[in-house]
Amino acid sequence: METDVVLSRSALDERLLANARKSLREISEITGLGVEELAERYSILFEERGWLTERQEERLLLIELGDMLTDGKARLKEASLEDYASIYRAILANMTLMANRMDMRRKLVDEDINRITHANARQFGAAYDTAVNHIVASLRAAHPEITDEEVEQYSVEGLTKAKRQLAKVTL
């Protein structure tokens, strides 16, 4: 059933989710919808269970923690001397939790980037092998006098040049 909810999400819902961290006024300018209509749509989205992806749930949690931090700071300004320390500890605990969550999130992003990079490298390598094999086969067909040793020598030279070129690229 959760899959049905996610699949039935509209393009507007996706756009609303992507901009959920912004104010309703900002989202209104982006979407052209009125603030009241947006508030109603968000209310409907939040009533449905299972509509958030894991990343969206994590983002929502960070937003909620940020809101709690803002609320705590406001309370701290108005706090009596006896309540100040407990409110301050709660703010520090909230900030620590947010920092830990952001670190975990950054690690997930880094893992995704590495996975994508490795997948792209494998695809590029396979495409490169296909191209080189085609070139070698075509050259051998056009020039049967080329020996295996010459092909090997040129391949080593070409790969050495490619390695030097890649060494120049800094990431």
N, C-alpha and C. Protein backbone atom coordinates (compact mmCIF):
# COMPACT_ATOMS: atom_id res chain seq x y z
N MET A 1 0.82 -1.20 0.00
CA MET A 1 0.00 0.00 0.00
C MET A 1 0.87 1.26 0.00
N GLU A 2 1.99 1.22 0.76
CA GLU A 2 2.86 2.39 0.78
C GLU A 2 3.38 2.72 -0.60
N THR A 3 3.66 1.70 -1.39
CA THR A 3 4.16 1.90 -2.75
C THR A 3 3.12 2.63 -3.58
N ASP A 4 1.84 2.28 -3.40
CA ASP A 4 0.79 2.95 -4.15
C ASP A 4 0.75 4.44 -3.84
N VAL A 5 0.95 4.80 -2.57
CA VAL A 5 0.95 6.20 -2.18
C VAL A 5 2.10 6.93 -2.86
N VAL A 6 3.27 6.33 -2.83
CA VAL A 6 4.44 6.96 -3.44
C VAL A 6 4.26 7.09 -4.94
N LEU A 7 3.74 6.04 -5.58
CA LEU A 7 3.55 6.08 -7.02
C LEU A 7 2.50 7.10 -7.44
N SER A 8 1.51 7.33 -6.57
CA SER A 8 0.44 8.24 -6.94
C SER A 8 0.79 9.70 -6.65
N ARG A 9 1.96 9.96 -6.12
CA ARG A 9 2.38 11.31 -5.84
C ARG A 9 2.48 12.10 -7.14
N SER A 10 1.98 13.31 -7.14
CA SER A 10 1.97 14.11 -8.36
C SER A 10 3.27 14.88 -8.50
N ALA A 11 3.45 15.47 -9.67
CA ALA A 11 4.62 16.32 -9.91
C ALA A 11 4.61 17.51 -8.93
N LEU A 12 3.42 18.01 -8.64
CA LEU A 12 3.30 19.11 -7.68
C LEU A 12 3.77 18.66 -6.30
N ASP A 13 3.35 17.46 -5.88
CA ASP A 13 3.77 16.94 -4.58
C ASP A 13 5.30 16.82 -4.53
N GLU A 14 5.88 16.33 -5.60
CA GLU A 14 7.35 16.20 -5.66
C GLU A 14 8.01 17.57 -5.52
N ARG A 15 7.43 18.55 -6.18
CA ARG A 15 7.98 19.91 -6.11
C ARG A 15 7.82 20.49 -4.71
N LEU A 16 6.68 20.20 -4.09
CA LEU A 16 6.46 20.66 -2.72
C LEU A 16 7.47 20.02 -1.77
N LEU A 17 7.71 18.73 -1.95
CA LEU A 17 8.68 18.04 -1.09
C LEU A 17 10.07 18.60 -1.28
N ALA A 18 10.44 18.88 -2.50
CA ALA A 18 11.77 19.39 -2.79
C ALA A 18 12.00 20.76 -2.16
N ASN A 19 10.92 21.50 -1.94
CA ASN A 19 11.03 22.86 -1.40
C ASN A 19 10.51 22.97 0.03
N ALA A 20 10.32 21.85 0.71
CA ALA A 20 9.69 21.84 2.02
C ALA A 20 10.44 22.66 3.07
N ARG A 21 11.72 22.86 2.89
CA ARG A 21 12.51 23.61 3.87
C ARG A 21 12.27 25.12 3.75
N LYS A 22 11.71 25.55 2.66
CA LYS A 22 11.48 26.98 2.43
C LYS A 22 10.18 27.42 3.10
N SER A 23 10.00 28.71 3.19
CA SER A 23 8.77 29.23 3.78
C SER A 23 7.62 29.06 2.78
N LEU A 24 6.39 29.08 3.31
CA LEU A 24 5.23 28.96 2.43
C LEU A 24 5.19 30.10 1.42
N ARG A 25 5.64 31.30 1.82
CA ARG A 25 5.66 32.43 0.90
C ARG A 25 6.61 32.15 -0.27
N GLU A 26 7.80 31.61 0.05
CA GLU A 26 8.76 31.29 -1.00
C GLU A 26 8.23 30.19 -1.93
N ILE A 27 7.61 29.19 -1.33
CA ILE A 27 7.06 28.09 -2.12
C ILE A 27 5.91 28.60 -2.98
N SER A 28 5.15 29.53 -2.46
CA SER A 28 4.06 30.14 -3.23
C SER A 28 4.60 30.83 -4.47
N GLU A 29 5.71 31.55 -4.31
CA GLU A 29 6.33 32.23 -5.46
C GLU A 29 6.84 31.22 -6.49
N ILE A 30 7.36 30.10 -6.00
CA ILE A 30 7.91 29.07 -6.89
C ILE A 30 6.80 28.36 -7.66
N THR A 31 5.73 28.02 -6.95
CA THR A 31 4.67 27.18 -7.55
C THR A 31 3.52 27.98 -8.14
N GLY A 32 3.35 29.22 -7.68
CA GLY A 32 2.21 30.01 -8.15
C GLY A 32 0.93 29.70 -7.38
N LEU A 33 1.01 28.84 -6.38
CA LEU A 33 -0.15 28.52 -5.56
C LEU A 33 -0.22 29.47 -4.37
N GLY A 34 -1.44 29.67 -3.86
CA GLY A 34 -1.62 30.52 -2.70
C GLY A 34 -1.09 29.85 -1.44
N VAL A 35 -0.75 30.67 -0.46
CA VAL A 35 -0.20 30.15 0.80
C VAL A 35 -1.19 29.22 1.49
N GLU A 36 -2.47 29.57 1.49
CA GLU A 36 -3.47 28.71 2.13
C GLU A 36 -3.59 27.37 1.41
N GLU A 37 -3.57 27.40 0.10
CA GLU A 37 -3.63 26.16 -0.68
C GLU A 37 -2.42 25.27 -0.40
N LEU A 38 -1.25 25.90 -0.29
CA LEU A 38 -0.03 25.15 0.02
C LEU A 38 -0.11 24.52 1.40
N ALA A 39 -0.56 25.30 2.37
CA ALA A 39 -0.67 24.77 3.73
C ALA A 39 -1.62 23.57 3.77
N GLU A 40 -2.71 23.66 3.03
CA GLU A 40 -3.66 22.55 2.96
C GLU A 40 -3.03 21.32 2.30
N ARG A 41 -2.30 21.55 1.21
CA ARG A 41 -1.66 20.44 0.50
C ARG A 41 -0.60 19.76 1.37
N TYR A 42 0.19 20.56 2.07
CA TYR A 42 1.19 19.98 2.99
C TYR A 42 0.49 19.19 4.09
N SER A 43 -0.61 19.72 4.59
CA SER A 43 -1.35 19.02 5.63
C SER A 43 -1.82 17.65 5.13
N ILE A 44 -2.31 17.61 3.91
CA ILE A 44 -2.75 16.33 3.31
C ILE A 44 -1.57 15.39 3.15
N LEU A 45 -0.47 15.90 2.67
CA LEU A 45 0.72 15.06 2.50
C LEU A 45 1.20 14.48 3.83
N PHE A 46 1.17 15.31 4.87
CA PHE A 46 1.66 14.84 6.16
C PHE A 46 0.71 13.85 6.82
N GLU A 47 -0.55 13.86 6.44
CA GLU A 47 -1.49 12.88 6.98
C GLU A 47 -1.25 11.49 6.41
N GLU A 48 -0.77 11.41 5.17
CA GLU A 48 -0.52 10.12 4.54
C GLU A 48 0.72 9.50 5.14
N ARG A 49 0.66 8.20 5.37
CA ARG A 49 1.83 7.48 5.89
C ARG A 49 2.60 6.90 4.72
N GLY A 50 3.91 6.85 4.87
CA GLY A 50 4.75 6.20 3.87
C GLY A 50 5.00 7.00 2.61
N TRP A 51 4.74 8.28 2.63
CA TRP A 51 4.95 9.06 1.40
C TRP A 51 6.36 9.61 1.31
N LEU A 52 7.10 9.58 2.41
CA LEU A 52 8.46 10.10 2.38
C LEU A 52 9.48 9.01 2.08
N THR A 53 10.47 9.34 1.32
CA THR A 53 11.60 8.43 1.14
C THR A 53 12.47 8.53 2.40
N GLU A 54 13.43 7.64 2.54
CA GLU A 54 14.30 7.70 3.71
C GLU A 54 15.04 9.03 3.79
N ARG A 55 15.51 9.49 2.66
CA ARG A 55 16.24 10.78 2.65
C ARG A 55 15.32 11.93 3.03
N GLN A 56 14.08 11.87 2.55
CA GLN A 56 13.14 12.93 2.89
C GLN A 56 12.79 12.89 4.38
N GLU A 57 12.66 11.68 4.93
CA GLU A 57 12.40 11.57 6.37
C GLU A 57 13.56 12.14 7.17
N GLU A 58 14.79 11.84 6.72
CA GLU A 58 15.97 12.38 7.40
C GLU A 58 15.98 13.90 7.30
N ARG A 59 15.66 14.43 6.15
CA ARG A 59 15.62 15.88 5.97
C ARG A 59 14.55 16.50 6.86
N LEU A 60 13.39 15.87 6.92
CA LEU A 60 12.31 16.37 7.77
C LEU A 60 12.75 16.36 9.23
N LEU A 61 13.43 15.31 9.65
CA LEU A 61 13.93 15.24 11.01
C LEU A 61 14.89 16.39 11.29
N LEU A 62 15.79 16.67 10.35
CA LEU A 62 16.71 17.79 10.53
C LEU A 62 15.97 19.13 10.60
N ILE A 63 14.93 19.25 9.81
CA ILE A 63 14.12 20.47 9.85
C ILE A 63 13.47 20.61 11.23
N GLU A 64 12.91 19.51 11.71
CA GLU A 64 12.27 19.54 13.03
C GLU A 64 13.28 19.85 14.13
N LEU A 65 14.47 19.26 14.03
CA LEU A 65 15.51 19.55 15.01
C LEU A 65 15.91 21.03 14.94
N GLY A 66 15.98 21.56 13.72
CA GLY A 66 16.28 22.98 13.56
C GLY A 66 15.22 23.86 14.18
N ASP A 67 13.97 23.47 13.99
CA ASP A 67 12.87 24.23 14.61
C ASP A 67 12.96 24.17 16.13
N MET A 68 13.29 22.98 16.66
CA MET A 68 13.44 22.85 18.11
C MET A 68 14.60 23.71 18.61
N LEU A 69 15.66 23.79 17.84
CA LEU A 69 16.81 24.60 18.20
C LEU A 69 16.42 26.07 18.24
N THR A 70 15.69 26.50 17.23
CA THR A 70 15.22 27.89 17.19
C THR A 70 14.32 28.18 18.39
N ASP A 71 13.41 27.26 18.69
CA ASP A 71 12.51 27.42 19.84
C ASP A 71 13.31 27.47 21.14
N GLY A 72 14.30 26.58 21.26
CA GLY A 72 15.13 26.56 22.46
C GLY A 72 15.89 27.86 22.66
N LYS A 73 16.42 28.40 21.58
CA LYS A 73 17.15 29.67 21.68
C LYS A 73 16.22 30.80 22.13
N ALA A 74 14.99 30.79 21.61
CA ALA A 74 14.02 31.81 22.01
C ALA A 74 13.67 31.66 23.50
N ARG A 75 13.51 30.42 23.96
CA ARG A 75 13.21 30.18 25.37
C ARG A 75 14.39 30.58 26.26
N LEU A 76 15.59 30.37 25.75
CA LEU A 76 16.78 30.71 26.52
C LEU A 76 16.84 32.20 26.80
N LYS A 77 16.42 33.01 25.85
CA LYS A 77 16.43 34.47 26.04
C LYS A 77 15.49 34.90 27.15
N GLU A 78 14.39 34.15 27.30
CA GLU A 78 13.37 34.50 28.30
C GLU A 78 13.51 33.70 29.59
N ALA A 79 14.49 32.77 29.66
CA ALA A 79 14.58 31.84 30.78
C ALA A 79 15.01 32.53 32.06
N SER A 80 14.47 31.99 33.14
CA SER A 80 14.92 32.44 34.45
C SER A 80 16.28 31.82 34.73
N LEU A 81 16.95 32.30 35.75
CA LEU A 81 18.28 31.81 36.08
C LEU A 81 18.25 30.32 36.42
N GLU A 82 17.21 29.86 37.08
CA GLU A 82 17.14 28.45 37.48
C GLU A 82 16.84 27.53 36.29
N ASP A 83 16.20 28.02 35.24
CA ASP A 83 15.88 27.20 34.07
C ASP A 83 16.94 27.28 32.98
N TYR A 84 17.81 28.27 33.08
CA TYR A 84 18.78 28.53 32.01
C TYR A 84 19.65 27.31 31.70
N ALA A 85 20.22 26.68 32.72
CA ALA A 85 21.14 25.56 32.52
C ALA A 85 20.45 24.38 31.84
N SER A 86 19.24 24.04 32.25
CA SER A 86 18.56 22.89 31.64
C SER A 86 18.17 23.17 30.19
N ILE A 87 17.76 24.39 29.91
CA ILE A 87 17.43 24.75 28.53
C ILE A 87 18.70 24.74 27.68
N TYR A 88 19.78 25.26 28.24
CA TYR A 88 21.06 25.29 27.52
C TYR A 88 21.54 23.87 27.22
N ARG A 89 21.41 22.94 28.19
CA ARG A 89 21.79 21.54 27.96
C ARG A 89 20.94 20.92 26.86
N ALA A 90 19.66 21.23 26.85
CA ALA A 90 18.77 20.69 25.81
C ALA A 90 19.18 21.22 24.44
N ILE A 91 19.55 22.49 24.36
CA ILE A 91 20.01 23.08 23.09
C ILE A 91 21.29 22.39 22.63
N LEU A 92 22.24 22.21 23.55
CA LEU A 92 23.49 21.54 23.20
C LEU A 92 23.25 20.10 22.74
N ALA A 93 22.36 19.40 23.41
CA ALA A 93 22.03 18.02 23.02
C ALA A 93 21.42 18.01 21.62
N ASN A 94 20.55 18.98 21.35
CA ASN A 94 19.92 19.10 20.04
C ASN A 94 20.97 19.38 18.97
N MET A 95 21.88 20.29 19.27
CA MET A 95 22.92 20.63 18.29
C MET A 95 23.84 19.43 18.03
N THR A 96 24.15 18.68 19.08
CA THR A 96 24.98 17.48 18.92
C THR A 96 24.26 16.46 18.05
N LEU A 97 22.98 16.26 18.31
CA LEU A 97 22.19 15.32 17.51
C LEU A 97 22.15 15.76 16.04
N MET A 98 21.93 17.06 15.82
CA MET A 98 21.91 17.57 14.44
C MET A 98 23.26 17.37 13.76
N ALA A 99 24.34 17.66 14.47
CA ALA A 99 25.67 17.50 13.89
C ALA A 99 25.93 16.04 13.53
N ASN A 100 25.56 15.13 14.44
CA ASN A 100 25.74 13.70 14.17
C ASN A 100 24.92 13.25 12.97
N ARG A 101 23.68 13.71 12.88
CA ARG A 101 22.81 13.36 11.76
C ARG A 101 23.38 13.90 10.46
N MET A 102 23.87 15.12 10.48
CA MET A 102 24.44 15.71 9.27
C MET A 102 25.70 14.96 8.85
N ASP A 103 26.51 14.55 9.84
CA ASP A 103 27.69 13.75 9.52
C ASP A 103 27.29 12.43 8.86
N MET A 104 26.27 11.79 9.43
CA MET A 104 25.78 10.53 8.84
C MET A 104 25.25 10.78 7.43
N ARG A 105 24.56 11.86 7.26
CA ARG A 105 23.99 12.20 5.95
C ARG A 105 25.11 12.45 4.93
N ARG A 106 26.13 13.18 5.37
CA ARG A 106 27.27 13.47 4.50
C ARG A 106 27.96 12.16 4.10
N LYS A 107 28.09 11.23 5.04
CA LYS A 107 28.70 9.93 4.74
C LYS A 107 27.87 9.18 3.70
N LEU A 108 26.54 9.24 3.84
CA LEU A 108 25.68 8.58 2.87
C LEU A 108 25.85 9.19 1.48
N VAL A 109 25.94 10.51 1.43
CA VAL A 109 26.14 11.19 0.15
C VAL A 109 27.49 10.80 -0.44
N ASP A 110 28.52 10.77 0.41
CA ASP A 110 29.85 10.37 -0.07
C ASP A 110 29.83 8.94 -0.60
N GLU A 111 29.14 8.05 0.11
CA GLU A 111 29.02 6.66 -0.36
C GLU A 111 28.31 6.60 -1.70
N ASP A 112 27.24 7.38 -1.84
CA ASP A 112 26.52 7.41 -3.13
C ASP A 112 27.42 7.91 -4.24
N ILE A 113 28.15 8.98 -3.96
CA ILE A 113 29.06 9.54 -4.98
C ILE A 113 30.11 8.51 -5.37
N ASN A 114 30.69 7.84 -4.38
CA ASN A 114 31.70 6.81 -4.68
C ASN A 114 31.12 5.67 -5.50
N ARG A 115 29.92 5.23 -5.14
CA ARG A 115 29.27 4.14 -5.86
C ARG A 115 29.00 4.55 -7.32
N ILE A 116 28.51 5.75 -7.50
CA ILE A 116 28.23 6.26 -8.84
C ILE A 116 29.53 6.42 -9.63
N THR A 117 30.55 6.96 -8.98
CA THR A 117 31.84 7.15 -9.63
C THR A 117 32.42 5.82 -10.08
N HIS A 118 32.37 4.82 -9.21
CA HIS A 118 32.89 3.50 -9.58
C HIS A 118 32.08 2.88 -10.72
N ALA A 119 30.77 3.04 -10.66
CA ALA A 119 29.92 2.51 -11.74
C ALA A 119 30.25 3.19 -13.07
N ASN A 120 30.42 4.51 -13.02
CA ASN A 120 30.78 5.25 -14.23
C ASN A 120 32.15 4.83 -14.74
N ALA A 121 33.09 4.61 -13.84
CA ALA A 121 34.43 4.19 -14.24
C ALA A 121 34.36 2.81 -14.92
N ARG A 122 33.57 1.91 -14.35
CA ARG A 122 33.42 0.58 -14.98
C ARG A 122 32.81 0.70 -16.37
N GLN A 123 31.79 1.54 -16.50
CA GLN A 123 31.16 1.74 -17.81
C GLN A 123 32.14 2.35 -18.79
N PHE A 124 32.90 3.36 -18.35
CA PHE A 124 33.88 3.99 -19.21
C PHE A 124 34.94 2.98 -19.62
N GLY A 125 35.41 2.19 -18.66
CA GLY A 125 36.43 1.17 -18.95
C GLY A 125 35.94 0.16 -19.97
N ALA A 126 34.70 -0.29 -19.82
CA ALA A 126 34.13 -1.25 -20.77
C ALA A 126 34.01 -0.61 -22.16
N ALA A 127 33.57 0.65 -22.22
CA ALA A 127 33.45 1.33 -23.51
C ALA A 127 34.83 1.53 -24.14
N TYR A 128 35.81 1.87 -23.32
CA TYR A 128 37.18 2.06 -23.81
C TYR A 128 37.72 0.75 -24.37
N ASP A 129 37.52 -0.35 -23.63
CA ASP A 129 37.97 -1.66 -24.12
C ASP A 129 37.32 -2.01 -25.45
N THR A 130 36.04 -1.74 -25.56
CA THR A 130 35.33 -2.01 -26.82
C THR A 130 35.94 -1.20 -27.96
N ALA A 131 36.19 0.08 -27.71
CA ALA A 131 36.77 0.95 -28.74
C ALA A 131 38.17 0.49 -29.14
N VAL A 132 39.01 0.20 -28.16
CA VAL A 132 40.38 -0.23 -28.46
C VAL A 132 40.37 -1.56 -29.20
N ASN A 133 39.56 -2.50 -28.77
CA ASN A 133 39.48 -3.80 -29.46
C ASN A 133 39.03 -3.63 -30.91
N HIS A 134 38.10 -2.71 -31.12
CA HIS A 134 37.62 -2.44 -32.49
C HIS A 134 38.75 -1.82 -33.33
N ILE A 135 39.46 -0.88 -32.75
CA ILE A 135 40.57 -0.23 -33.48
C ILE A 135 41.64 -1.26 -33.84
N VAL A 136 42.01 -2.10 -32.88
CA VAL A 136 43.04 -3.12 -33.13
C VAL A 136 42.57 -4.09 -34.21
N ALA A 137 41.34 -4.56 -34.11
CA ALA A 137 40.83 -5.50 -35.11
C ALA A 137 40.78 -4.85 -36.49
N SER A 138 40.36 -3.59 -36.55
CA SER A 138 40.28 -2.89 -37.83
C SER A 138 41.67 -2.67 -38.42
N LEU A 139 42.63 -2.28 -37.60
CA LEU A 139 44.00 -2.09 -38.08
C LEU A 139 44.61 -3.41 -38.57
N ARG A 140 44.35 -4.48 -37.85
CA ARG A 140 44.87 -5.78 -38.29
C ARG A 140 44.25 -6.20 -39.61
N ALA A 141 42.98 -5.89 -39.79
CA ALA A 141 42.32 -6.25 -41.05
C ALA A 141 42.88 -5.40 -42.19
N ALA A 142 43.12 -4.13 -41.92
CA ALA A 142 43.63 -3.24 -42.96
C ALA A 142 45.14 -3.39 -43.17
N HIS A 143 45.84 -3.80 -42.14
CA HIS A 143 47.30 -3.93 -42.21
C HIS A 143 47.72 -5.27 -41.58
N PRO A 144 47.59 -6.34 -42.33
CA PRO A 144 47.91 -7.66 -41.77
C PRO A 144 49.38 -7.83 -41.37
N GLU A 145 50.23 -6.93 -41.83
CA GLU A 145 51.65 -7.04 -41.49
C GLU A 145 51.95 -6.64 -40.04
N ILE A 146 50.99 -5.98 -39.34
CA ILE A 146 51.19 -5.59 -37.94
C ILE A 146 51.24 -6.86 -37.08
N THR A 147 52.29 -6.97 -36.30
CA THR A 147 52.47 -8.17 -35.48
C THR A 147 51.83 -7.98 -34.11
N ASP A 148 51.65 -9.10 -33.40
CA ASP A 148 51.12 -9.05 -32.04
C ASP A 148 52.03 -8.26 -31.12
N GLU A 149 53.33 -8.38 -31.33
CA GLU A 149 54.29 -7.65 -30.50
C GLU A 149 54.14 -6.14 -30.70
N GLU A 150 53.91 -5.72 -31.94
CA GLU A 150 53.72 -4.29 -32.21
C GLU A 150 52.44 -3.79 -31.56
N VAL A 151 51.38 -4.58 -31.66
CA VAL A 151 50.11 -4.19 -31.03
C VAL A 151 50.31 -4.06 -29.53
N GLU A 152 51.01 -5.01 -28.93
CA GLU A 152 51.28 -4.98 -27.50
C GLU A 152 52.11 -3.75 -27.14
N GLN A 153 53.13 -3.47 -27.93
CA GLN A 153 54.00 -2.32 -27.68
C GLN A 153 53.19 -1.02 -27.75
N TYR A 154 52.37 -0.86 -28.79
CA TYR A 154 51.57 0.36 -28.93
C TYR A 154 50.53 0.47 -27.82
N SER A 155 49.98 -0.65 -27.41
CA SER A 155 49.00 -0.64 -26.32
C SER A 155 49.65 -0.16 -25.02
N VAL A 156 50.84 -0.69 -24.73
CA VAL A 156 51.56 -0.27 -23.51
C VAL A 156 51.89 1.21 -23.58
N GLU A 157 52.36 1.67 -24.72
CA GLU A 157 52.68 3.09 -24.88
C GLU A 157 51.43 3.95 -24.70
N GLY A 158 50.35 3.54 -25.32
CA GLY A 158 49.09 4.30 -25.21
C GLY A 158 48.58 4.35 -23.78
N LEU A 159 48.62 3.21 -23.09
CA LEU A 159 48.15 3.18 -21.70
C LEU A 159 49.07 4.01 -20.79
N THR A 160 50.36 4.01 -21.07
CA THR A 160 51.29 4.83 -20.29
C THR A 160 50.97 6.31 -20.48
N LYS A 161 50.71 6.72 -21.72
CA LYS A 161 50.34 8.12 -21.98
C LYS A 161 49.03 8.46 -21.29
N ALA A 162 48.07 7.54 -21.35
CA ALA A 162 46.78 7.76 -20.69
C ALA A 162 46.96 7.91 -19.18
N LYS A 163 47.81 7.07 -18.59
CA LYS A 163 48.08 7.14 -17.15
C LYS A 163 48.68 8.49 -16.78
N ARG A 164 49.62 8.97 -17.58
CA ARG A 164 50.23 10.29 -17.33
C ARG A 164 49.18 11.40 -17.42
N GLN A 165 48.31 11.28 -18.41
CA GLN A 165 47.26 12.29 -18.58
C GLN A 165 46.32 12.29 -17.37
N LEU A 166 45.95 11.11 -16.90
CA LEU A 166 45.06 11.02 -15.75
C LEU A 166 45.74 11.53 -14.48
N ALA A 167 47.05 11.35 -14.38
CA ALA A 167 47.80 11.84 -13.21
C ALA A 167 47.77 13.37 -13.14
N LYS A 168 47.58 14.03 -14.27
CA LYS A 168 47.51 15.49 -14.29
C LYS A 168 46.21 16.01 -13.72
N VAL A 169 45.18 15.19 -13.76
CA VAL A 169 43.86 15.60 -13.28
C VAL A 169 43.86 15.55 -11.77
N THR A 170 43.51 16.66 -11.15
CA THR A 170 43.42 16.70 -9.69
C THR A 170 41.97 16.72 -9.29
N LEU A 171 41.65 15.93 -8.30
CA LEU A 171 40.27 15.86 -7.81
C LEU A 171 40.15 16.55 -6.48
